[in-house]
């Protein structure tokens, strides 16, 4: 029997239940196909009750995106802030981190603009404040692994890293209609996800070694 949340802990548990159900649905359905009715069926929480936790599905997905970003943050903290590595080790470890969070790359590249546009300002403000912790950890990583890097070059690297989150999926996993259109135009190239991520990260990491004049 469903029990309405009465404490902050119960409220947070119910929100997490909704998040987990939405992540599960996303394994089968597209972002556009998921709605509160499907989430209600998956959680046994009434559709009307879900509105007590989220204004719309976009706000649920924003929390899912935040979870993935925090996963990346924690993995970078665990891997790069205590031991210095050679270039190939750094690229391999970052490649694995992005592969482990590939669902994030799909959501960011395909839907982030719609998600952020529809979410309330308060929700988006909270997301950006939490997201800031990833930027801080990326700065720590660069300062630890590349102590002689300038502030400007570090900022270029961080923005290039974020750009990779938007660009990998269109290259490696275009939606069916895009792939068909590119095949007809003769411009479709099939990329292996791991190899492409490694290539991209190796390119931007190389700049930290080469230290170009800016």
N, C-alpha and C. Protein backbone atom coordinates (compact mmCIF):
# COMPACT_ATOMS: atom_id res chain seq x y z
N UNK A 1 0.85 -1.20 0.00
CA UNK A 1 0.00 0.00 0.00
C UNK A 1 0.88 1.24 0.00
N UNK A 2 0.54 2.21 -0.82
CA UNK A 2 1.32 3.43 -0.91
C UNK A 2 1.08 4.29 0.33
N UNK A 3 2.17 4.79 0.92
CA UNK A 3 2.08 5.65 2.11
C UNK A 3 2.65 7.01 1.73
N UNK A 4 1.87 8.07 1.94
CA UNK A 4 2.30 9.42 1.62
C UNK A 4 3.48 9.83 2.49
N UNK A 5 4.44 10.50 1.88
CA UNK A 5 5.62 10.96 2.63
C UNK A 5 5.21 12.01 3.65
N UNK A 6 5.69 11.84 4.90
CA UNK A 6 5.34 12.78 5.96
C UNK A 6 6.57 13.48 6.54
N UNK A 7 7.75 12.95 6.30
CA UNK A 7 8.98 13.56 6.80
C UNK A 7 9.87 13.91 5.62
N UNK A 8 10.89 14.74 5.86
CA UNK A 8 11.82 15.11 4.80
C UNK A 8 12.53 13.88 4.25
N UNK A 9 12.88 12.96 5.14
CA UNK A 9 13.54 11.73 4.70
C UNK A 9 12.64 10.93 3.78
N UNK A 10 11.36 10.79 4.17
CA UNK A 10 10.42 10.06 3.32
C UNK A 10 10.21 10.78 1.99
N UNK A 11 10.17 12.11 2.03
CA UNK A 11 10.00 12.90 0.82
C UNK A 11 11.17 12.64 -0.14
N UNK A 12 12.39 12.66 0.38
CA UNK A 12 13.57 12.42 -0.45
C UNK A 12 13.60 10.98 -0.97
N UNK A 13 13.16 10.04 -0.16
CA UNK A 13 13.09 8.65 -0.61
C UNK A 13 12.09 8.50 -1.76
N UNK A 14 10.97 9.20 -1.65
CA UNK A 14 9.96 9.13 -2.71
C UNK A 14 10.49 9.77 -3.99
N UNK A 15 11.19 10.88 -3.87
CA UNK A 15 11.80 11.51 -5.05
C UNK A 15 12.80 10.56 -5.71
N UNK A 16 13.60 9.89 -4.89
CA UNK A 16 14.57 8.95 -5.44
C UNK A 16 13.89 7.78 -6.12
N UNK A 17 12.76 7.36 -5.57
CA UNK A 17 11.99 6.28 -6.19
C UNK A 17 11.51 6.72 -7.58
N UNK A 18 11.07 7.95 -7.69
CA UNK A 18 10.62 8.49 -8.98
C UNK A 18 11.79 8.59 -9.96
N UNK A 19 12.93 9.05 -9.47
CA UNK A 19 14.13 9.14 -10.31
C UNK A 19 14.53 7.76 -10.82
N UNK A 20 14.58 6.79 -9.92
CA UNK A 20 15.00 5.43 -10.30
C UNK A 20 14.03 4.82 -11.33
N UNK A 21 12.75 5.05 -11.12
CA UNK A 21 11.75 4.53 -12.06
C UNK A 21 11.91 5.16 -13.43
N UNK A 22 12.19 6.46 -13.46
CA UNK A 22 12.37 7.15 -14.74
C UNK A 22 13.62 6.67 -15.45
N UNK A 23 14.69 6.44 -14.71
CA UNK A 23 15.92 5.89 -15.30
C UNK A 23 15.65 4.50 -15.87
N UNK A 24 14.87 3.71 -15.17
CA UNK A 24 14.53 2.37 -15.65
C UNK A 24 13.72 2.46 -16.95
N UNK A 25 12.75 3.36 -16.97
CA UNK A 25 11.93 3.52 -18.17
C UNK A 25 12.76 4.00 -19.35
N UNK A 26 13.77 4.81 -19.07
CA UNK A 26 14.60 5.37 -20.14
C UNK A 26 15.42 4.28 -20.84
N UNK A 27 15.55 3.13 -20.23
CA UNK A 27 16.25 2.02 -20.86
C UNK A 27 15.41 1.40 -21.99
N UNK A 28 14.09 1.63 -21.92
CA UNK A 28 13.17 1.05 -22.90
C UNK A 28 12.52 2.10 -23.79
N UNK A 29 12.16 3.23 -23.20
CA UNK A 29 11.44 4.27 -23.92
C UNK A 29 12.34 5.47 -24.19
N UNK A 30 11.98 6.24 -25.21
CA UNK A 30 12.71 7.47 -25.49
C UNK A 30 12.27 8.55 -24.50
N UNK A 31 13.04 9.61 -24.44
CA UNK A 31 12.70 10.75 -23.58
C UNK A 31 11.30 11.25 -23.89
N UNK A 32 10.96 11.35 -25.17
CA UNK A 32 9.65 11.89 -25.57
C UNK A 32 8.50 10.97 -25.17
N UNK A 33 8.76 9.67 -25.06
CA UNK A 33 7.69 8.71 -24.75
C UNK A 33 7.40 8.61 -23.26
N UNK A 34 8.31 9.05 -22.43
CA UNK A 34 8.14 8.92 -20.98
C UNK A 34 7.24 10.05 -20.47
N UNK A 35 6.28 9.70 -19.64
CA UNK A 35 5.39 10.69 -19.05
C UNK A 35 5.03 10.26 -17.62
N UNK A 36 4.28 11.10 -16.94
CA UNK A 36 3.92 10.81 -15.55
C UNK A 36 3.07 9.55 -15.44
N UNK A 37 2.30 9.24 -16.47
CA UNK A 37 1.47 8.03 -16.41
C UNK A 37 2.35 6.78 -16.36
N UNK A 38 3.36 6.72 -17.20
CA UNK A 38 4.28 5.57 -17.19
C UNK A 38 5.05 5.51 -15.87
N UNK A 39 5.47 6.68 -15.37
CA UNK A 39 6.20 6.71 -14.10
C UNK A 39 5.30 6.24 -12.97
N UNK A 40 4.05 6.64 -13.01
CA UNK A 40 3.09 6.22 -11.99
C UNK A 40 2.92 4.70 -11.99
N UNK A 41 2.81 4.12 -13.18
CA UNK A 41 2.67 2.67 -13.28
C UNK A 41 3.91 1.95 -12.74
N UNK A 42 5.06 2.52 -12.97
CA UNK A 42 6.31 1.90 -12.54
C UNK A 42 6.51 2.01 -11.03
N UNK A 43 6.02 3.09 -10.42
CA UNK A 43 6.25 3.34 -9.00
C UNK A 43 5.05 3.02 -8.12
N UNK A 44 3.87 2.94 -8.71
CA UNK A 44 2.61 2.80 -7.96
C UNK A 44 2.28 4.08 -7.19
N UNK A 45 2.95 5.17 -7.55
CA UNK A 45 2.61 6.48 -7.00
C UNK A 45 1.61 7.12 -7.95
N UNK A 46 0.50 7.60 -7.44
CA UNK A 46 -0.53 8.17 -8.31
C UNK A 46 0.05 9.31 -9.14
N UNK A 47 -0.43 9.40 -10.39
CA UNK A 47 0.06 10.45 -11.29
C UNK A 47 -0.09 11.83 -10.65
N UNK A 48 -1.23 12.07 -10.02
CA UNK A 48 -1.47 13.38 -9.40
C UNK A 48 -0.51 13.63 -8.24
N UNK A 49 -0.09 12.56 -7.56
CA UNK A 49 0.81 12.70 -6.42
C UNK A 49 2.23 13.05 -6.86
N UNK A 50 2.62 12.58 -8.04
CA UNK A 50 3.96 12.89 -8.54
C UNK A 50 4.17 14.40 -8.63
N UNK A 51 3.09 15.13 -8.89
CA UNK A 51 3.20 16.59 -8.98
C UNK A 51 3.60 17.22 -7.65
N UNK A 52 3.46 16.50 -6.56
CA UNK A 52 3.94 17.01 -5.26
C UNK A 52 5.46 17.01 -5.19
N UNK A 53 6.10 16.26 -6.09
CA UNK A 53 7.55 16.12 -6.07
C UNK A 53 8.22 16.79 -7.27
N UNK A 54 7.53 16.79 -8.39
CA UNK A 54 8.09 17.38 -9.61
C UNK A 54 6.99 18.07 -10.40
N UNK A 55 7.33 19.22 -11.00
CA UNK A 55 6.35 19.94 -11.80
C UNK A 55 6.13 19.28 -13.15
N UNK A 56 7.17 18.61 -13.67
CA UNK A 56 7.10 17.99 -14.98
C UNK A 56 8.21 16.96 -15.11
N UNK A 57 8.18 16.18 -16.17
CA UNK A 57 9.19 15.12 -16.34
C UNK A 57 10.58 15.72 -16.56
N UNK A 58 10.64 16.94 -17.13
CA UNK A 58 11.93 17.57 -17.36
C UNK A 58 12.68 17.78 -16.06
N UNK A 59 11.96 18.10 -14.99
CA UNK A 59 12.63 18.30 -13.70
C UNK A 59 13.16 16.98 -13.15
N UNK A 60 12.48 15.89 -13.44
CA UNK A 60 13.00 14.57 -13.05
C UNK A 60 14.30 14.30 -13.81
N UNK A 61 14.27 14.55 -15.11
CA UNK A 61 15.46 14.29 -15.91
C UNK A 61 16.61 15.21 -15.53
N UNK A 62 16.31 16.41 -15.07
CA UNK A 62 17.38 17.29 -14.61
C UNK A 62 18.07 16.70 -13.39
N UNK A 63 17.30 16.07 -12.50
CA UNK A 63 17.90 15.39 -11.35
C UNK A 63 18.70 14.16 -11.79
N UNK A 64 18.24 13.48 -12.83
CA UNK A 64 18.98 12.33 -13.36
C UNK A 64 20.31 12.82 -13.93
N UNK A 65 20.28 13.88 -14.70
CA UNK A 65 21.50 14.45 -15.27
C UNK A 65 22.45 14.86 -14.16
N UNK A 66 21.93 15.46 -13.11
CA UNK A 66 22.77 15.87 -11.99
C UNK A 66 23.43 14.66 -11.34
N UNK A 67 22.69 13.57 -11.19
CA UNK A 67 23.28 12.35 -10.62
C UNK A 67 24.48 11.88 -11.44
N UNK A 68 24.32 11.89 -12.75
CA UNK A 68 25.42 11.46 -13.62
C UNK A 68 26.61 12.41 -13.51
N UNK A 69 26.35 13.71 -13.47
CA UNK A 69 27.44 14.67 -13.32
C UNK A 69 28.18 14.44 -12.00
N UNK A 70 27.44 14.16 -10.95
CA UNK A 70 28.08 13.93 -9.66
C UNK A 70 28.85 12.61 -9.66
N UNK A 71 28.37 11.62 -10.43
CA UNK A 71 29.13 10.38 -10.60
C UNK A 71 30.48 10.67 -11.23
N UNK A 72 30.48 11.52 -12.27
CA UNK A 72 31.73 11.90 -12.94
C UNK A 72 32.63 12.66 -11.97
N UNK A 73 32.04 13.58 -11.23
CA UNK A 73 32.82 14.34 -10.24
C UNK A 73 33.50 13.40 -9.26
N UNK A 74 32.74 12.47 -8.70
CA UNK A 74 33.30 11.57 -7.68
C UNK A 74 34.37 10.65 -8.28
N UNK A 75 34.17 10.21 -9.53
CA UNK A 75 35.16 9.35 -10.17
C UNK A 75 36.46 10.11 -10.43
N UNK A 76 36.35 11.37 -10.82
CA UNK A 76 37.55 12.18 -11.03
C UNK A 76 38.28 12.41 -9.71
N UNK A 77 37.54 12.69 -8.65
CA UNK A 77 38.16 12.86 -7.33
C UNK A 77 38.89 11.60 -6.91
N UNK A 78 38.28 10.47 -7.15
CA UNK A 78 38.85 9.19 -6.73
C UNK A 78 40.11 8.83 -7.53
N UNK A 79 40.13 9.20 -8.81
CA UNK A 79 41.20 8.74 -9.69
C UNK A 79 42.36 9.71 -9.89
N UNK A 80 42.09 11.02 -9.78
CA UNK A 80 43.09 11.97 -10.28
C UNK A 80 43.66 12.96 -9.27
N UNK A 81 43.24 12.92 -8.03
CA UNK A 81 43.68 13.94 -7.09
C UNK A 81 44.77 13.48 -6.14
N UNK A 82 45.20 12.22 -6.25
CA UNK A 82 46.20 11.71 -5.33
C UNK A 82 47.44 11.14 -6.01
N UNK A 83 47.29 10.67 -7.24
CA UNK A 83 48.40 10.05 -7.96
C UNK A 83 48.54 10.72 -9.33
N UNK A 84 49.77 11.05 -9.71
CA UNK A 84 50.01 11.63 -11.03
C UNK A 84 50.18 10.51 -12.06
N UNK A 85 49.59 10.75 -13.25
CA UNK A 85 49.61 9.73 -14.29
C UNK A 85 50.23 10.27 -15.58
N UNK A 86 50.65 9.34 -16.43
CA UNK A 86 51.08 9.68 -17.77
C UNK A 86 49.85 9.95 -18.64
N UNK A 87 50.10 10.55 -19.81
CA UNK A 87 49.00 10.96 -20.69
C UNK A 87 48.04 9.82 -20.99
N UNK A 88 48.57 8.67 -21.43
CA UNK A 88 47.70 7.57 -21.83
C UNK A 88 46.84 7.08 -20.66
N UNK A 89 47.41 7.07 -19.46
CA UNK A 89 46.64 6.64 -18.28
C UNK A 89 45.49 7.61 -18.01
N UNK A 90 45.79 8.91 -18.13
CA UNK A 90 44.75 9.93 -17.91
C UNK A 90 43.63 9.76 -18.92
N UNK A 91 43.99 9.62 -20.18
CA UNK A 91 42.98 9.50 -21.24
C UNK A 91 42.16 8.22 -21.06
N UNK A 92 42.82 7.12 -20.74
CA UNK A 92 42.10 5.86 -20.53
C UNK A 92 41.11 5.95 -19.37
N UNK A 93 41.55 6.56 -18.28
CA UNK A 93 40.68 6.66 -17.12
C UNK A 93 39.48 7.58 -17.40
N UNK A 94 39.73 8.71 -18.06
CA UNK A 94 38.63 9.62 -18.40
C UNK A 94 37.68 8.96 -19.40
N UNK A 95 38.24 8.21 -20.34
CA UNK A 95 37.39 7.50 -21.31
C UNK A 95 36.44 6.54 -20.60
N UNK A 96 36.97 5.78 -19.66
CA UNK A 96 36.13 4.84 -18.91
C UNK A 96 35.04 5.58 -18.13
N UNK A 97 35.39 6.71 -17.54
CA UNK A 97 34.41 7.47 -16.77
C UNK A 97 33.26 7.92 -17.66
N UNK A 98 33.57 8.42 -18.86
CA UNK A 98 32.50 8.86 -19.76
C UNK A 98 31.69 7.69 -20.30
N UNK A 99 32.35 6.57 -20.59
CA UNK A 99 31.61 5.39 -21.04
C UNK A 99 30.66 4.89 -19.96
N UNK A 100 31.10 4.94 -18.71
CA UNK A 100 30.25 4.50 -17.60
C UNK A 100 29.04 5.40 -17.42
N UNK A 101 29.11 6.61 -17.95
CA UNK A 101 28.01 7.57 -17.82
C UNK A 101 27.48 7.99 -19.19
N UNK A 102 27.44 7.03 -20.12
CA UNK A 102 27.06 7.34 -21.50
C UNK A 102 25.62 7.85 -21.59
N UNK A 103 24.76 7.40 -20.70
CA UNK A 103 23.37 7.88 -20.71
C UNK A 103 23.33 9.39 -20.50
N UNK A 104 24.26 9.92 -19.71
CA UNK A 104 24.35 11.36 -19.51
C UNK A 104 24.63 12.05 -20.85
N UNK A 105 25.57 11.50 -21.61
CA UNK A 105 25.93 12.11 -22.88
C UNK A 105 24.73 12.17 -23.82
N UNK A 106 23.89 11.13 -23.80
CA UNK A 106 22.68 11.13 -24.62
C UNK A 106 21.73 12.24 -24.20
N UNK A 107 21.50 12.35 -22.90
CA UNK A 107 20.55 13.35 -22.40
C UNK A 107 21.05 14.76 -22.66
N UNK A 108 22.34 14.98 -22.44
CA UNK A 108 22.89 16.33 -22.61
C UNK A 108 22.90 16.73 -24.08
N UNK A 109 23.32 15.83 -24.96
CA UNK A 109 23.44 16.21 -26.37
C UNK A 109 22.09 16.36 -27.06
N UNK A 110 21.10 15.58 -26.64
CA UNK A 110 19.81 15.57 -27.33
C UNK A 110 18.73 16.44 -26.68
N UNK A 111 18.76 16.57 -25.35
CA UNK A 111 17.60 17.14 -24.68
C UNK A 111 17.87 18.24 -23.67
N UNK A 112 19.13 18.58 -23.41
CA UNK A 112 19.42 19.49 -22.30
C UNK A 112 18.75 20.85 -22.49
N UNK A 113 18.70 21.36 -23.72
CA UNK A 113 18.09 22.68 -23.94
C UNK A 113 16.61 22.65 -23.58
N UNK A 114 15.90 21.61 -24.04
CA UNK A 114 14.47 21.50 -23.71
C UNK A 114 14.27 21.33 -22.21
N UNK A 115 15.10 20.48 -21.58
CA UNK A 115 14.96 20.22 -20.15
C UNK A 115 15.16 21.49 -19.35
N UNK A 116 16.22 22.24 -19.66
CA UNK A 116 16.49 23.46 -18.90
C UNK A 116 15.45 24.54 -19.18
N UNK A 117 14.93 24.58 -20.41
CA UNK A 117 13.92 25.59 -20.76
C UNK A 117 12.62 25.37 -20.00
N UNK A 118 12.23 24.11 -19.83
CA UNK A 118 10.94 23.79 -19.22
C UNK A 118 11.00 23.83 -17.70
N UNK A 119 12.16 23.52 -17.13
CA UNK A 119 12.28 23.50 -15.66
C UNK A 119 12.05 24.89 -15.06
N UNK A 120 11.62 24.92 -13.82
CA UNK A 120 11.45 26.19 -13.14
C UNK A 120 12.81 26.85 -12.91
N UNK A 121 12.82 28.16 -12.75
CA UNK A 121 14.07 28.88 -12.50
C UNK A 121 14.73 28.40 -11.21
N UNK A 122 13.91 28.16 -10.19
CA UNK A 122 14.44 27.69 -8.91
C UNK A 122 15.14 26.33 -9.08
N UNK A 123 14.51 25.43 -9.83
CA UNK A 123 15.10 24.12 -10.05
C UNK A 123 16.41 24.23 -10.83
N UNK A 124 16.42 25.08 -11.84
CA UNK A 124 17.61 25.24 -12.66
C UNK A 124 18.74 25.90 -11.85
N UNK A 125 18.39 26.86 -11.01
CA UNK A 125 19.40 27.50 -10.15
C UNK A 125 20.08 26.46 -9.26
N UNK A 126 19.27 25.58 -8.66
CA UNK A 126 19.81 24.54 -7.79
C UNK A 126 20.72 23.61 -8.58
N UNK A 127 20.31 23.24 -9.78
CA UNK A 127 21.11 22.36 -10.63
C UNK A 127 22.47 22.98 -10.92
N UNK A 128 22.48 24.25 -11.31
CA UNK A 128 23.74 24.90 -11.65
C UNK A 128 24.66 25.02 -10.43
N UNK A 129 24.10 25.26 -9.26
CA UNK A 129 24.91 25.35 -8.05
C UNK A 129 25.56 24.01 -7.73
N UNK A 130 24.80 22.92 -7.90
CA UNK A 130 25.34 21.59 -7.64
C UNK A 130 26.36 21.20 -8.72
N UNK A 131 26.06 21.58 -9.95
CA UNK A 131 26.95 21.28 -11.08
C UNK A 131 28.32 21.94 -10.89
N UNK A 132 28.34 23.07 -10.21
CA UNK A 132 29.58 23.82 -10.00
C UNK A 132 30.65 22.95 -9.33
N UNK A 133 30.22 21.98 -8.52
CA UNK A 133 31.19 21.13 -7.82
C UNK A 133 32.01 20.30 -8.80
N UNK A 134 31.43 19.93 -9.96
CA UNK A 134 32.19 19.21 -10.98
C UNK A 134 33.27 20.10 -11.56
N UNK A 135 32.93 21.36 -11.85
CA UNK A 135 33.92 22.30 -12.37
C UNK A 135 35.07 22.47 -11.38
N UNK A 136 34.73 22.56 -10.11
CA UNK A 136 35.77 22.72 -9.09
C UNK A 136 36.71 21.51 -9.06
N UNK A 137 36.15 20.31 -9.19
CA UNK A 137 36.98 19.11 -9.17
C UNK A 137 37.83 19.01 -10.43
N UNK A 138 37.29 19.41 -11.57
CA UNK A 138 38.09 19.44 -12.80
C UNK A 138 39.29 20.38 -12.65
N UNK A 139 39.07 21.53 -12.01
CA UNK A 139 40.17 22.46 -11.75
C UNK A 139 41.22 21.81 -10.85
N UNK A 140 40.76 21.14 -9.81
CA UNK A 140 41.69 20.46 -8.91
C UNK A 140 42.50 19.41 -9.66
N UNK A 141 41.83 18.67 -10.54
CA UNK A 141 42.52 17.64 -11.30
C UNK A 141 43.61 18.23 -12.17
N UNK A 142 43.28 19.31 -12.90
CA UNK A 142 44.26 19.93 -13.79
C UNK A 142 45.42 20.51 -12.99
N UNK A 143 45.12 21.17 -11.90
CA UNK A 143 46.20 21.76 -11.09
C UNK A 143 47.12 20.70 -10.50
N UNK A 144 46.53 19.55 -10.15
CA UNK A 144 47.35 18.48 -9.57
C UNK A 144 48.17 17.77 -10.65
N UNK A 145 47.52 17.42 -11.76
CA UNK A 145 48.21 16.66 -12.81
C UNK A 145 49.12 17.55 -13.67
N UNK A 146 48.77 18.84 -13.80
CA UNK A 146 49.52 19.76 -14.64
C UNK A 146 49.77 21.07 -13.88
N UNK A 147 50.63 21.06 -12.89
CA UNK A 147 50.79 22.22 -12.00
C UNK A 147 51.31 23.48 -12.69
N UNK A 148 51.90 23.36 -13.87
CA UNK A 148 52.46 24.53 -14.54
C UNK A 148 51.50 25.15 -15.56
N UNK A 149 50.31 24.60 -15.66
CA UNK A 149 49.34 25.10 -16.64
C UNK A 149 48.79 26.45 -16.21
N UNK A 150 48.61 27.35 -17.17
CA UNK A 150 48.03 28.66 -16.88
C UNK A 150 46.54 28.54 -16.58
N UNK A 151 46.01 29.54 -15.91
CA UNK A 151 44.58 29.57 -15.60
C UNK A 151 43.75 29.57 -16.89
N UNK A 152 44.20 30.33 -17.89
CA UNK A 152 43.45 30.40 -19.14
C UNK A 152 43.40 29.06 -19.85
N UNK A 153 44.54 28.37 -19.91
CA UNK A 153 44.57 27.07 -20.58
C UNK A 153 43.72 26.05 -19.82
N UNK A 154 43.72 26.14 -18.50
CA UNK A 154 42.88 25.26 -17.71
C UNK A 154 41.41 25.48 -18.04
N UNK A 155 40.99 26.75 -18.15
CA UNK A 155 39.60 27.04 -18.48
C UNK A 155 39.24 26.54 -19.88
N UNK A 156 40.18 26.66 -20.83
CA UNK A 156 39.93 26.13 -22.17
C UNK A 156 39.72 24.62 -22.12
N UNK A 157 40.55 23.94 -21.33
CA UNK A 157 40.41 22.49 -21.22
C UNK A 157 39.05 22.11 -20.64
N UNK A 158 38.65 22.80 -19.57
CA UNK A 158 37.38 22.47 -18.92
C UNK A 158 36.21 22.66 -19.89
N UNK A 159 36.23 23.77 -20.65
CA UNK A 159 35.15 23.99 -21.61
C UNK A 159 35.20 22.98 -22.75
N UNK A 160 36.40 22.57 -23.16
CA UNK A 160 36.52 21.54 -24.20
C UNK A 160 36.00 20.21 -23.68
N UNK A 161 36.25 19.94 -22.40
CA UNK A 161 35.74 18.70 -21.79
C UNK A 161 34.21 18.72 -21.79
N UNK A 162 33.62 19.85 -21.41
CA UNK A 162 32.16 19.94 -21.43
C UNK A 162 31.61 19.83 -22.85
N UNK A 163 32.33 20.40 -23.81
CA UNK A 163 31.89 20.29 -25.21
C UNK A 163 31.85 18.84 -25.66
N UNK A 164 32.79 18.04 -25.14
CA UNK A 164 32.80 16.62 -25.51
C UNK A 164 31.52 15.93 -25.09
N UNK A 165 30.93 16.37 -23.98
CA UNK A 165 29.70 15.75 -23.50
C UNK A 165 28.55 15.98 -24.49
N UNK A 166 28.62 17.09 -25.22
CA UNK A 166 27.56 17.40 -26.18
C UNK A 166 27.81 16.77 -27.54
N UNK A 167 29.07 16.51 -27.89
CA UNK A 167 29.38 16.12 -29.25
C UNK A 167 29.60 14.65 -29.51
N UNK A 168 29.77 13.86 -28.47
CA UNK A 168 30.10 12.45 -28.68
C UNK A 168 28.92 11.66 -29.23
N UNK A 169 27.75 11.83 -28.64
CA UNK A 169 26.58 11.03 -29.06
C UNK A 169 26.17 11.31 -30.51
N UNK A 170 26.10 12.58 -30.96
CA UNK A 170 25.76 12.79 -32.38
C UNK A 170 26.71 12.10 -33.34
N UNK A 171 27.98 11.96 -32.93
CA UNK A 171 28.95 11.28 -33.79
C UNK A 171 28.83 9.76 -33.71
N UNK A 172 28.63 9.24 -32.50
CA UNK A 172 28.66 7.79 -32.29
C UNK A 172 27.29 7.13 -32.30
N UNK A 173 26.26 7.87 -31.88
CA UNK A 173 24.94 7.26 -31.74
C UNK A 173 23.84 8.18 -32.28
N UNK A 174 23.88 8.56 -33.57
CA UNK A 174 22.81 9.40 -34.10
C UNK A 174 21.49 8.66 -34.05
N UNK A 175 20.40 9.40 -33.92
CA UNK A 175 19.09 8.75 -33.93
C UNK A 175 18.84 8.15 -35.32
N UNK A 176 17.90 7.22 -35.40
CA UNK A 176 17.69 6.44 -36.62
C UNK A 176 17.46 7.33 -37.85
N UNK A 177 16.61 8.35 -37.72
CA UNK A 177 16.32 9.22 -38.86
C UNK A 177 17.57 9.95 -39.32
N UNK A 178 18.38 10.40 -38.37
CA UNK A 178 19.62 11.08 -38.74
C UNK A 178 20.56 10.14 -39.49
N UNK A 179 20.69 8.91 -38.95
CA UNK A 179 21.58 7.95 -39.59
C UNK A 179 21.14 7.64 -41.02
N UNK A 180 19.82 7.43 -41.21
CA UNK A 180 19.30 7.12 -42.54
C UNK A 180 19.58 8.28 -43.50
N UNK A 181 19.35 9.51 -43.03
CA UNK A 181 19.59 10.69 -43.88
C UNK A 181 21.07 10.81 -44.24
N UNK A 182 21.95 10.56 -43.26
CA UNK A 182 23.39 10.65 -43.53
C UNK A 182 23.84 9.54 -44.47
N UNK A 183 23.25 8.35 -44.33
CA UNK A 183 23.58 7.25 -45.24
C UNK A 183 23.18 7.59 -46.67
N UNK A 184 21.99 8.18 -46.83
CA UNK A 184 21.53 8.55 -48.17
C UNK A 184 22.41 9.64 -48.77
N UNK A 185 22.93 10.52 -47.89
CA UNK A 185 23.81 11.60 -48.36
C UNK A 185 25.25 11.14 -48.55
N UNK A 186 25.54 9.92 -48.10
CA UNK A 186 26.88 9.38 -48.23
C UNK A 186 27.88 9.99 -47.26
N UNK A 187 27.38 10.47 -46.11
CA UNK A 187 28.30 11.11 -45.16
C UNK A 187 28.30 10.40 -43.80
N UNK A 188 27.64 9.26 -43.72
CA UNK A 188 27.59 8.55 -42.44
C UNK A 188 28.88 7.76 -42.23
N UNK A 189 29.47 7.93 -41.06
CA UNK A 189 30.65 7.16 -40.66
C UNK A 189 30.35 6.52 -39.31
N UNK A 190 30.51 5.22 -39.21
CA UNK A 190 30.24 4.52 -37.96
C UNK A 190 31.49 4.56 -37.08
N UNK A 191 31.31 5.09 -35.86
CA UNK A 191 32.41 5.18 -34.92
C UNK A 191 32.18 4.25 -33.73
N UNK A 192 33.24 3.65 -33.26
CA UNK A 192 33.19 2.91 -32.00
C UNK A 192 33.22 3.93 -30.86
N UNK A 193 32.30 3.80 -29.92
CA UNK A 193 32.18 4.80 -28.84
C UNK A 193 33.48 4.96 -28.07
N UNK A 194 34.05 3.85 -27.65
CA UNK A 194 35.25 3.92 -26.83
C UNK A 194 36.40 4.56 -27.59
N UNK A 195 36.58 4.16 -28.85
CA UNK A 195 37.67 4.71 -29.65
C UNK A 195 37.48 6.20 -29.90
N UNK A 196 36.23 6.61 -30.16
CA UNK A 196 35.97 8.02 -30.45
C UNK A 196 36.18 8.89 -29.21
N UNK A 197 35.69 8.42 -28.06
CA UNK A 197 35.88 9.17 -26.81
C UNK A 197 37.37 9.29 -26.51
N UNK A 198 38.10 8.19 -26.69
CA UNK A 198 39.55 8.21 -26.44
C UNK A 198 40.22 9.24 -27.36
N UNK A 199 39.86 9.24 -28.65
CA UNK A 199 40.46 10.17 -29.61
C UNK A 199 40.19 11.61 -29.19
N UNK A 200 38.95 11.90 -28.84
CA UNK A 200 38.58 13.27 -28.48
C UNK A 200 39.31 13.72 -27.22
N UNK A 201 39.29 12.89 -26.19
CA UNK A 201 39.94 13.26 -24.94
C UNK A 201 41.45 13.37 -25.11
N UNK A 202 42.03 12.49 -25.91
CA UNK A 202 43.47 12.56 -26.15
C UNK A 202 43.84 13.89 -26.81
N UNK A 203 42.97 14.36 -27.70
CA UNK A 203 43.24 15.63 -28.40
C UNK A 203 43.25 16.81 -27.43
N UNK A 204 42.29 16.85 -26.51
CA UNK A 204 42.24 18.01 -25.61
C UNK A 204 43.26 17.88 -24.48
N UNK A 205 43.57 16.66 -24.07
CA UNK A 205 44.60 16.46 -23.05
C UNK A 205 45.97 16.85 -23.61
N UNK A 206 46.18 16.61 -24.91
CA UNK A 206 47.46 16.92 -25.53
C UNK A 206 47.79 18.40 -25.40
N UNK A 207 46.77 19.24 -25.40
CA UNK A 207 47.00 20.68 -25.28
C UNK A 207 47.62 21.03 -23.93
N UNK A 208 47.31 20.26 -22.92
CA UNK A 208 47.88 20.51 -21.60
C UNK A 208 49.36 20.15 -21.56
N UNK A 209 49.74 19.21 -22.39
CA UNK A 209 51.16 18.84 -22.49
C UNK A 209 51.92 19.80 -23.40
N UNK A 210 51.28 20.20 -24.51
CA UNK A 210 51.96 21.05 -25.48
C UNK A 210 52.04 22.51 -25.04
N UNK A 211 51.10 22.93 -24.14
CA UNK A 211 51.06 24.30 -23.60
C UNK A 211 51.15 25.35 -24.72
N UNK A 212 50.15 25.41 -25.58
CA UNK A 212 50.21 26.39 -26.68
C UNK A 212 50.12 27.81 -26.15
N UNK A 213 50.69 28.76 -26.90
CA UNK A 213 50.59 30.18 -26.52
C UNK A 213 49.19 30.67 -26.80
N UNK A 214 48.62 31.38 -25.84
CA UNK A 214 47.24 31.87 -26.01
C UNK A 214 47.21 33.39 -25.90
